[in-house]
N, C-alpha and C. Protein backbone atom coordinates (compact mmCIF):
# COMPACT_ATOMS: atom_id res chain seq x y z
N MET A 1 16.56 -69.70 -43.83
CA MET A 1 15.70 -68.58 -43.65
C MET A 1 16.42 -67.55 -42.83
N LYS A 2 16.41 -66.38 -43.36
CA LYS A 2 17.11 -65.30 -42.70
C LYS A 2 16.10 -64.25 -42.25
N GLN A 3 16.11 -63.92 -40.93
CA GLN A 3 15.22 -62.89 -40.47
C GLN A 3 15.98 -61.58 -40.27
N GLU A 4 15.28 -60.53 -40.65
CA GLU A 4 15.87 -59.19 -40.46
C GLU A 4 15.52 -58.67 -39.07
N THR A 5 16.47 -58.16 -38.39
CA THR A 5 16.19 -57.56 -37.10
C THR A 5 16.30 -56.02 -37.26
N HIS A 6 15.19 -55.41 -36.96
CA HIS A 6 15.14 -53.94 -37.03
C HIS A 6 15.61 -53.33 -35.74
N SER A 7 16.33 -52.29 -35.90
CA SER A 7 16.84 -51.63 -34.70
C SER A 7 15.75 -50.74 -34.14
N ASN A 8 15.61 -50.80 -32.82
CA ASN A 8 14.61 -49.97 -32.12
C ASN A 8 15.19 -48.64 -31.72
N THR A 9 16.38 -48.36 -32.12
CA THR A 9 17.05 -47.11 -31.72
C THR A 9 16.32 -45.89 -32.22
N ALA A 10 15.84 -45.87 -33.43
CA ALA A 10 15.14 -44.70 -33.96
C ALA A 10 13.84 -44.46 -33.16
N LEU A 11 13.12 -45.51 -32.86
CA LEU A 11 11.87 -45.31 -32.07
C LEU A 11 12.20 -44.81 -30.67
N PHE A 12 13.25 -45.35 -30.06
CA PHE A 12 13.64 -44.92 -28.74
C PHE A 12 14.03 -43.42 -28.73
N LEU A 13 14.78 -42.99 -29.74
CA LEU A 13 15.23 -41.59 -29.79
C LEU A 13 14.05 -40.67 -30.00
N MET A 14 13.06 -41.06 -30.79
CA MET A 14 11.89 -40.25 -31.03
C MET A 14 11.08 -40.11 -29.73
N GLU A 15 10.92 -41.19 -29.02
CA GLU A 15 10.19 -41.19 -27.75
C GLU A 15 10.94 -40.26 -26.76
N LEU A 16 12.23 -40.37 -26.71
CA LEU A 16 13.05 -39.54 -25.81
C LEU A 16 12.91 -38.06 -26.14
N ILE A 17 12.88 -37.70 -27.39
CA ILE A 17 12.69 -36.30 -27.78
C ILE A 17 11.32 -35.83 -27.35
N MET A 18 10.30 -36.61 -27.50
CA MET A 18 8.96 -36.22 -27.10
C MET A 18 8.87 -35.99 -25.57
N VAL A 19 9.49 -36.88 -24.83
CA VAL A 19 9.45 -36.74 -23.38
C VAL A 19 10.21 -35.51 -22.93
N ILE A 20 11.38 -35.23 -23.53
CA ILE A 20 12.13 -34.01 -23.21
C ILE A 20 11.30 -32.77 -23.56
N GLY A 21 10.66 -32.77 -24.70
CA GLY A 21 9.78 -31.65 -25.09
C GLY A 21 8.66 -31.43 -24.12
N PHE A 22 8.01 -32.53 -23.66
CA PHE A 22 6.92 -32.45 -22.71
C PHE A 22 7.41 -31.84 -21.38
N PHE A 23 8.53 -32.33 -20.89
CA PHE A 23 9.08 -31.84 -19.63
C PHE A 23 9.51 -30.36 -19.74
N SER A 24 10.03 -29.99 -20.89
CA SER A 24 10.39 -28.57 -21.14
C SER A 24 9.16 -27.71 -21.06
N LEU A 25 8.10 -28.12 -21.68
CA LEU A 25 6.85 -27.34 -21.66
C LEU A 25 6.29 -27.22 -20.24
N VAL A 26 6.26 -28.34 -19.52
CA VAL A 26 5.75 -28.36 -18.17
C VAL A 26 6.62 -27.48 -17.30
N SER A 27 7.91 -27.53 -17.39
CA SER A 27 8.77 -26.72 -16.55
C SER A 27 8.61 -25.26 -16.87
N THR A 28 8.38 -24.90 -18.12
CA THR A 28 8.14 -23.48 -18.44
C THR A 28 6.88 -22.97 -17.78
N VAL A 29 5.78 -23.75 -17.82
CA VAL A 29 4.55 -23.39 -17.15
C VAL A 29 4.76 -23.24 -15.63
N CYS A 30 5.47 -24.21 -15.03
CA CYS A 30 5.73 -24.15 -13.61
C CYS A 30 6.52 -22.90 -13.21
N MET A 31 7.53 -22.55 -14.00
CA MET A 31 8.34 -21.36 -13.69
C MET A 31 7.49 -20.12 -13.77
N GLN A 32 6.56 -20.05 -14.75
CA GLN A 32 5.70 -18.88 -14.81
C GLN A 32 4.77 -18.82 -13.61
N LEU A 33 4.28 -19.96 -13.17
CA LEU A 33 3.43 -19.98 -11.97
C LEU A 33 4.15 -19.52 -10.71
N PHE A 34 5.40 -20.00 -10.56
CA PHE A 34 6.21 -19.61 -9.43
C PHE A 34 6.54 -18.12 -9.49
N SER A 35 6.78 -17.60 -10.64
CA SER A 35 7.09 -16.20 -10.80
C SER A 35 5.87 -15.34 -10.43
N ALA A 36 4.69 -15.72 -10.92
CA ALA A 36 3.45 -15.02 -10.56
C ALA A 36 3.16 -15.10 -9.08
N ALA A 37 3.39 -16.24 -8.47
CA ALA A 37 3.16 -16.36 -7.03
C ALA A 37 4.11 -15.48 -6.23
N SER A 38 5.35 -15.36 -6.70
CA SER A 38 6.30 -14.48 -6.04
C SER A 38 5.89 -13.02 -6.10
N ARG A 39 5.45 -12.59 -7.30
CA ARG A 39 4.98 -11.24 -7.43
C ARG A 39 3.74 -10.93 -6.58
N THR A 40 2.80 -11.90 -6.54
CA THR A 40 1.62 -11.74 -5.71
C THR A 40 1.98 -11.65 -4.21
N SER A 41 2.92 -12.49 -3.82
CA SER A 41 3.36 -12.43 -2.40
C SER A 41 4.01 -11.11 -2.06
N THR A 42 4.86 -10.59 -2.92
CA THR A 42 5.49 -9.32 -2.68
C THR A 42 4.48 -8.19 -2.64
N GLN A 43 3.49 -8.20 -3.53
CA GLN A 43 2.45 -7.16 -3.49
C GLN A 43 1.64 -7.24 -2.22
N SER A 44 1.37 -8.50 -1.79
CA SER A 44 0.56 -8.67 -0.60
C SER A 44 1.30 -8.16 0.64
N VAL A 45 2.58 -8.43 0.74
CA VAL A 45 3.39 -7.91 1.85
C VAL A 45 3.40 -6.39 1.84
N ARG A 46 3.57 -5.82 0.67
CA ARG A 46 3.60 -4.36 0.54
C ARG A 46 2.27 -3.76 0.95
N LEU A 47 1.15 -4.36 0.50
CA LEU A 47 -0.18 -3.84 0.88
C LEU A 47 -0.43 -3.99 2.39
N ASN A 48 -0.04 -5.10 2.97
CA ASN A 48 -0.21 -5.27 4.40
C ASN A 48 0.57 -4.20 5.21
N HIS A 49 1.79 -3.89 4.81
CA HIS A 49 2.56 -2.86 5.47
C HIS A 49 1.90 -1.51 5.27
N ALA A 50 1.44 -1.22 4.08
CA ALA A 50 0.81 0.09 3.78
C ALA A 50 -0.47 0.29 4.60
N VAL A 51 -1.30 -0.75 4.66
CA VAL A 51 -2.53 -0.65 5.42
C VAL A 51 -2.23 -0.48 6.92
N ARG A 52 -1.28 -1.22 7.42
CA ARG A 52 -0.94 -1.10 8.85
C ARG A 52 -0.43 0.30 9.16
N ALA A 53 0.43 0.86 8.36
CA ALA A 53 0.98 2.20 8.56
C ALA A 53 -0.11 3.25 8.43
N SER A 54 -0.98 3.07 7.44
CA SER A 54 -2.08 4.05 7.25
C SER A 54 -3.11 4.02 8.35
N GLU A 55 -3.44 2.79 8.82
CA GLU A 55 -4.40 2.70 9.95
C GLU A 55 -3.78 3.22 11.23
N SER A 56 -2.51 3.00 11.46
CA SER A 56 -1.85 3.50 12.64
C SER A 56 -1.88 5.04 12.64
N LEU A 57 -1.58 5.65 11.47
CA LEU A 57 -1.60 7.08 11.34
C LEU A 57 -3.00 7.62 11.56
N THR A 58 -4.03 6.99 11.02
CA THR A 58 -5.37 7.40 11.17
C THR A 58 -5.83 7.32 12.62
N GLU A 59 -5.50 6.26 13.32
CA GLU A 59 -5.89 6.14 14.73
C GLU A 59 -5.25 7.24 15.56
N ALA A 60 -3.96 7.52 15.26
CA ALA A 60 -3.27 8.58 15.98
C ALA A 60 -3.91 9.96 15.69
N TRP A 61 -4.28 10.17 14.46
CA TRP A 61 -4.96 11.40 14.03
C TRP A 61 -6.26 11.58 14.77
N ILE A 62 -7.02 10.52 14.95
CA ILE A 62 -8.29 10.59 15.68
C ILE A 62 -8.03 10.84 17.18
N ALA A 63 -6.99 10.21 17.71
CA ALA A 63 -6.68 10.37 19.11
C ALA A 63 -6.29 11.77 19.48
N VAL A 64 -5.68 12.51 18.55
CA VAL A 64 -5.24 13.90 18.82
C VAL A 64 -6.31 14.90 18.25
N ASP A 65 -7.51 14.41 17.94
CA ASP A 65 -8.64 15.21 17.38
C ASP A 65 -8.19 16.01 16.17
N GLY A 66 -7.36 15.37 15.32
CA GLY A 66 -6.99 15.95 14.06
C GLY A 66 -5.92 17.04 14.14
N ASP A 67 -5.34 17.27 15.30
CA ASP A 67 -4.30 18.30 15.47
C ASP A 67 -2.98 17.79 14.87
N LEU A 68 -2.64 18.31 13.73
CA LEU A 68 -1.48 17.83 13.01
C LEU A 68 -0.17 18.15 13.70
N THR A 69 -0.11 19.26 14.47
CA THR A 69 1.13 19.56 15.21
C THR A 69 1.35 18.56 16.34
N ARG A 70 0.32 18.14 16.99
CA ARG A 70 0.44 17.06 18.03
C ARG A 70 0.78 15.73 17.33
N LEU A 71 0.18 15.47 16.16
CA LEU A 71 0.47 14.25 15.42
C LEU A 71 1.93 14.21 15.00
N LYS A 72 2.48 15.35 14.62
CA LYS A 72 3.89 15.42 14.22
C LYS A 72 4.80 15.03 15.39
N GLU A 73 4.41 15.32 16.59
CA GLU A 73 5.18 14.95 17.77
C GLU A 73 5.21 13.44 17.97
N LEU A 74 4.17 12.76 17.53
CA LEU A 74 4.11 11.30 17.64
C LEU A 74 4.94 10.61 16.55
N TYR A 75 5.20 11.33 15.44
CA TYR A 75 5.98 10.82 14.34
C TYR A 75 7.16 11.71 14.04
N PRO A 76 8.23 11.63 14.87
CA PRO A 76 9.39 12.49 14.68
C PRO A 76 10.02 12.26 13.27
N GLY A 77 10.39 13.34 12.69
CA GLY A 77 11.07 13.26 11.38
C GLY A 77 10.11 13.37 10.21
N CYS A 78 8.81 13.46 10.48
CA CYS A 78 7.88 13.59 9.37
C CYS A 78 7.82 15.05 8.92
N THR A 79 7.19 15.28 7.80
CA THR A 79 7.07 16.63 7.23
C THR A 79 5.66 17.10 7.38
N LEU A 80 5.49 18.34 7.89
CA LEU A 80 4.14 18.94 8.10
C LEU A 80 4.08 20.22 7.24
N ARG A 81 3.07 20.27 6.42
CA ARG A 81 2.78 21.49 5.66
C ARG A 81 1.37 21.94 6.08
N SER A 82 1.33 23.11 6.65
CA SER A 82 0.05 23.63 7.20
C SER A 82 -0.61 24.57 6.19
N ASP A 83 -1.88 24.33 5.93
CA ASP A 83 -2.67 25.21 5.06
C ASP A 83 -3.00 26.52 5.74
N ASP A 84 -3.28 26.44 7.04
CA ASP A 84 -3.66 27.59 7.85
C ASP A 84 -2.95 27.49 9.18
N PRO A 85 -1.90 28.26 9.40
CA PRO A 85 -1.13 28.17 10.63
C PRO A 85 -1.98 28.41 11.91
N ALA A 86 -3.04 29.14 11.74
CA ALA A 86 -3.92 29.39 12.91
C ALA A 86 -4.73 28.16 13.27
N ASP A 87 -4.96 27.25 12.36
CA ASP A 87 -5.72 26.02 12.64
C ASP A 87 -4.84 24.81 12.44
N PRO A 88 -4.45 24.18 13.51
CA PRO A 88 -3.53 23.01 13.40
C PRO A 88 -4.21 21.77 12.82
N ARG A 89 -5.54 21.85 12.56
CA ARG A 89 -6.23 20.69 12.01
C ARG A 89 -6.29 20.67 10.50
N THR A 90 -5.76 21.68 9.85
CA THR A 90 -5.76 21.71 8.38
C THR A 90 -4.30 21.65 7.94
N GLY A 91 -4.04 20.81 6.97
CA GLY A 91 -2.72 20.68 6.43
C GLY A 91 -2.42 19.26 6.00
N THR A 92 -1.14 19.00 5.71
CA THR A 92 -0.67 17.70 5.21
C THR A 92 0.53 17.25 6.02
N LEU A 93 0.46 16.01 6.39
CA LEU A 93 1.60 15.40 7.13
C LEU A 93 2.08 14.22 6.28
N VAL A 94 3.40 14.18 6.05
CA VAL A 94 4.00 13.10 5.24
C VAL A 94 5.00 12.31 6.04
N ILE A 95 4.82 10.99 6.11
CA ILE A 95 5.74 10.10 6.83
C ILE A 95 6.45 9.25 5.80
N CYS A 96 7.76 9.15 5.90
CA CYS A 96 8.58 8.43 4.92
C CYS A 96 9.03 7.07 5.49
N TYR A 97 9.12 6.11 4.62
CA TYR A 97 9.56 4.75 5.00
C TYR A 97 10.58 4.26 3.99
N ASP A 98 11.48 3.37 4.47
CA ASP A 98 12.44 2.73 3.57
C ASP A 98 11.84 1.53 2.97
N GLU A 99 12.57 0.75 2.19
CA GLU A 99 12.04 -0.38 1.45
C GLU A 99 11.55 -1.54 2.36
N ASP A 100 11.99 -1.50 3.63
CA ASP A 100 11.51 -2.53 4.61
C ASP A 100 10.43 -1.97 5.54
N TRP A 101 9.86 -0.81 5.18
CA TRP A 101 8.80 -0.14 5.95
C TRP A 101 9.27 0.29 7.33
N HIS A 102 10.53 0.73 7.47
CA HIS A 102 11.03 1.35 8.67
C HIS A 102 10.92 2.88 8.43
N ARG A 103 10.45 3.58 9.44
CA ARG A 103 10.33 5.02 9.30
C ARG A 103 11.72 5.66 9.19
N ILE A 104 11.81 6.63 8.26
CA ILE A 104 13.08 7.32 8.03
C ILE A 104 12.80 8.85 8.16
N THR A 105 13.83 9.62 8.34
CA THR A 105 13.70 11.05 8.52
C THR A 105 14.17 11.81 7.28
N GLU A 106 14.65 11.06 6.25
CA GLU A 106 15.11 11.75 5.01
C GLU A 106 13.94 12.33 4.26
N ALA A 107 14.22 13.09 3.27
CA ALA A 107 13.23 13.71 2.44
C ALA A 107 12.41 12.65 1.66
N ALA A 108 11.21 13.05 1.26
CA ALA A 108 10.31 12.10 0.60
C ALA A 108 10.89 11.62 -0.74
N ASP A 109 11.77 12.36 -1.35
CA ASP A 109 12.30 11.91 -2.64
C ASP A 109 13.28 10.75 -2.51
N THR A 110 13.81 10.47 -1.31
CA THR A 110 14.69 9.33 -1.09
C THR A 110 13.93 8.15 -0.50
N ALA A 111 12.70 8.33 -0.12
CA ALA A 111 11.92 7.26 0.54
C ALA A 111 11.40 6.26 -0.47
N ALA A 112 11.30 5.00 -0.04
CA ALA A 112 10.69 3.94 -0.89
C ALA A 112 9.21 4.04 -0.85
N TYR A 113 8.65 4.45 0.33
CA TYR A 113 7.21 4.57 0.49
C TYR A 113 6.90 5.81 1.32
N THR A 114 5.78 6.41 1.10
CA THR A 114 5.28 7.50 1.90
C THR A 114 3.82 7.28 2.27
N VAL A 115 3.47 7.72 3.48
CA VAL A 115 2.05 7.71 3.93
C VAL A 115 1.72 9.15 4.23
N THR A 116 0.70 9.64 3.53
CA THR A 116 0.34 11.09 3.65
C THR A 116 -1.06 11.19 4.21
N ILE A 117 -1.26 12.15 5.12
CA ILE A 117 -2.61 12.46 5.63
C ILE A 117 -2.87 13.91 5.32
N GLU A 118 -3.94 14.21 4.63
CA GLU A 118 -4.36 15.58 4.36
C GLU A 118 -5.64 15.82 5.16
N SER A 119 -5.61 16.75 6.04
CA SER A 119 -6.70 17.02 6.98
C SER A 119 -7.33 18.39 6.74
N SER A 120 -8.66 18.47 6.84
CA SER A 120 -9.36 19.73 6.67
C SER A 120 -10.62 19.75 7.55
N MET A 121 -11.01 20.93 7.94
CA MET A 121 -12.24 21.09 8.72
C MET A 121 -13.44 20.92 7.82
N SER A 122 -14.53 20.44 8.40
CA SER A 122 -15.74 20.21 7.67
C SER A 122 -16.96 20.46 8.55
N ASP A 123 -18.06 20.77 7.94
CA ASP A 123 -19.30 20.93 8.68
C ASP A 123 -19.83 19.55 8.99
N ALA A 124 -20.10 19.30 10.26
CA ALA A 124 -20.57 17.95 10.66
C ALA A 124 -21.87 17.57 9.95
N ALA A 125 -22.71 18.54 9.65
CA ALA A 125 -23.98 18.24 8.96
C ALA A 125 -23.74 17.60 7.55
N GLU A 126 -22.65 17.97 6.90
CA GLU A 126 -22.34 17.42 5.62
C GLU A 126 -21.93 15.95 5.72
N LEU A 127 -21.25 15.62 6.84
CA LEU A 127 -20.76 14.26 7.01
C LEU A 127 -21.78 13.33 7.73
N TYR A 128 -22.48 13.89 8.70
CA TYR A 128 -23.30 13.06 9.57
C TYR A 128 -24.79 13.30 9.52
N GLY A 129 -25.22 14.31 8.77
CA GLY A 129 -26.64 14.61 8.65
C GLY A 129 -27.08 15.87 9.34
N PRO A 130 -28.30 16.37 9.06
CA PRO A 130 -28.76 17.65 9.51
C PRO A 130 -28.86 17.74 11.05
N GLU A 131 -28.99 16.61 11.72
CA GLU A 131 -29.13 16.67 13.19
C GLU A 131 -27.84 17.12 13.87
N THR A 132 -26.74 17.17 13.14
CA THR A 132 -25.47 17.64 13.72
C THR A 132 -25.10 19.02 13.21
N ALA A 133 -26.08 19.78 12.71
CA ALA A 133 -25.87 21.13 12.15
C ALA A 133 -25.21 21.99 13.25
N GLY A 134 -24.17 22.76 12.84
CA GLY A 134 -23.47 23.66 13.75
C GLY A 134 -22.30 23.02 14.44
N ALA A 135 -22.26 21.67 14.42
CA ALA A 135 -21.12 21.02 15.05
C ALA A 135 -19.95 20.93 14.09
N GLU A 136 -18.76 20.67 14.61
CA GLU A 136 -17.57 20.58 13.79
C GLU A 136 -17.13 19.15 13.57
N ALA A 137 -16.52 18.95 12.45
CA ALA A 137 -15.92 17.64 12.15
C ALA A 137 -14.71 17.89 11.31
N ILE A 138 -13.85 16.91 11.22
CA ILE A 138 -12.68 16.95 10.38
C ILE A 138 -12.68 15.73 9.46
N ARG A 139 -12.20 15.95 8.27
CA ARG A 139 -12.11 14.88 7.26
C ARG A 139 -10.65 14.81 6.82
N ALA A 140 -10.23 13.61 6.61
CA ALA A 140 -8.82 13.42 6.14
C ALA A 140 -8.80 12.54 4.90
N SER A 141 -7.73 12.59 4.20
CA SER A 141 -7.46 11.65 3.12
C SER A 141 -6.10 11.03 3.42
N VAL A 142 -6.12 9.72 3.58
CA VAL A 142 -4.87 9.01 3.91
C VAL A 142 -4.45 8.17 2.71
N THR A 143 -3.22 8.38 2.23
CA THR A 143 -2.76 7.66 1.05
C THR A 143 -1.33 7.11 1.30
N ALA A 144 -1.18 5.83 1.00
CA ALA A 144 0.17 5.21 1.01
C ALA A 144 0.61 5.01 -0.43
N MET A 145 1.82 5.53 -0.72
CA MET A 145 2.34 5.48 -2.08
C MET A 145 3.73 4.93 -2.13
N ALA A 146 4.03 4.30 -3.26
CA ALA A 146 5.39 3.80 -3.52
C ALA A 146 6.19 4.96 -4.13
N SER A 147 7.49 4.81 -4.18
CA SER A 147 8.37 5.86 -4.70
C SER A 147 8.11 6.16 -6.19
N ASP A 148 7.56 5.19 -6.93
CA ASP A 148 7.27 5.40 -8.34
C ASP A 148 5.97 6.12 -8.55
N GLY A 149 5.27 6.49 -7.49
CA GLY A 149 4.04 7.25 -7.60
C GLY A 149 2.79 6.45 -7.64
N THR A 150 2.88 5.13 -7.57
CA THR A 150 1.69 4.30 -7.55
C THR A 150 1.10 4.26 -6.14
N SER A 151 -0.21 4.39 -6.14
CA SER A 151 -0.93 4.36 -4.86
C SER A 151 -1.10 2.90 -4.42
N ILE A 152 -0.78 2.61 -3.16
CA ILE A 152 -0.93 1.27 -2.62
C ILE A 152 -2.28 1.11 -2.00
N CYS A 153 -2.65 2.13 -1.16
CA CYS A 153 -3.98 2.13 -0.53
C CYS A 153 -4.34 3.56 -0.16
N SER A 154 -5.64 3.83 -0.11
CA SER A 154 -6.09 5.13 0.33
C SER A 154 -7.54 5.02 0.87
N PHE A 155 -7.83 5.89 1.81
CA PHE A 155 -9.18 5.97 2.36
C PHE A 155 -9.41 7.35 2.95
N THR A 156 -10.64 7.66 3.28
CA THR A 156 -10.98 8.96 3.78
C THR A 156 -11.75 8.90 5.08
N PRO A 157 -11.07 8.91 6.18
CA PRO A 157 -11.74 8.85 7.51
C PRO A 157 -12.23 10.26 7.88
N ASP A 158 -13.23 10.31 8.75
CA ASP A 158 -13.64 11.58 9.30
C ASP A 158 -13.82 11.41 10.82
N HIS A 159 -13.88 12.55 11.52
CA HIS A 159 -13.92 12.53 13.00
C HIS A 159 -14.83 13.64 13.47
N TYR A 160 -15.79 13.26 14.23
CA TYR A 160 -16.77 14.17 14.79
C TYR A 160 -16.16 14.88 16.02
N LEU A 161 -16.16 16.19 16.01
CA LEU A 161 -15.57 16.99 17.10
C LEU A 161 -16.62 17.54 18.04
N GLY A 162 -17.86 17.59 17.59
CA GLY A 162 -18.90 18.19 18.43
C GLY A 162 -18.99 19.67 18.31
N GLY A 163 -19.53 20.33 19.28
CA GLY A 163 -19.64 21.76 19.26
C GLY A 163 -21.11 22.21 19.43
N ALA A 164 -21.39 23.41 18.97
CA ALA A 164 -22.72 23.98 19.10
C ALA A 164 -23.77 23.13 18.43
N GLN A 165 -24.88 22.92 19.11
CA GLN A 165 -25.98 22.13 18.57
C GLN A 165 -27.26 22.93 18.57
């Protein structure tokens, strides 16, 4: 009696191919997840820097009662465009940053990021209600942008100056 022995090589090779295919699929999914996590981390770091720079600028703007010429003294190298030279509280101030969020004095076209504050006078009654009629207030628009023109964060603070009541 003669028994035939079948080779298990074909079965082993098929199993090996399936395992390699499974690991290839899993590694592709893992690489996509790591790539997405890296992008999210980079965006989060950029947003944190933008918010910190914008909040710092806003707090300084409030501390100088919206006077952009005094604010420019706190941020040497920034660009100030005044809408009304007689009123230092109206205009635009632009601060430039490099890719690591260090302030730079070069023009905005070479900056990786810019933080801009646009300030204008406003009637306090419009912002705070009729009980403040006749008083003055200032409103600003603060925007942090990347060099490609995308807005990272923006908000509109206002500041009550007081005055005739």
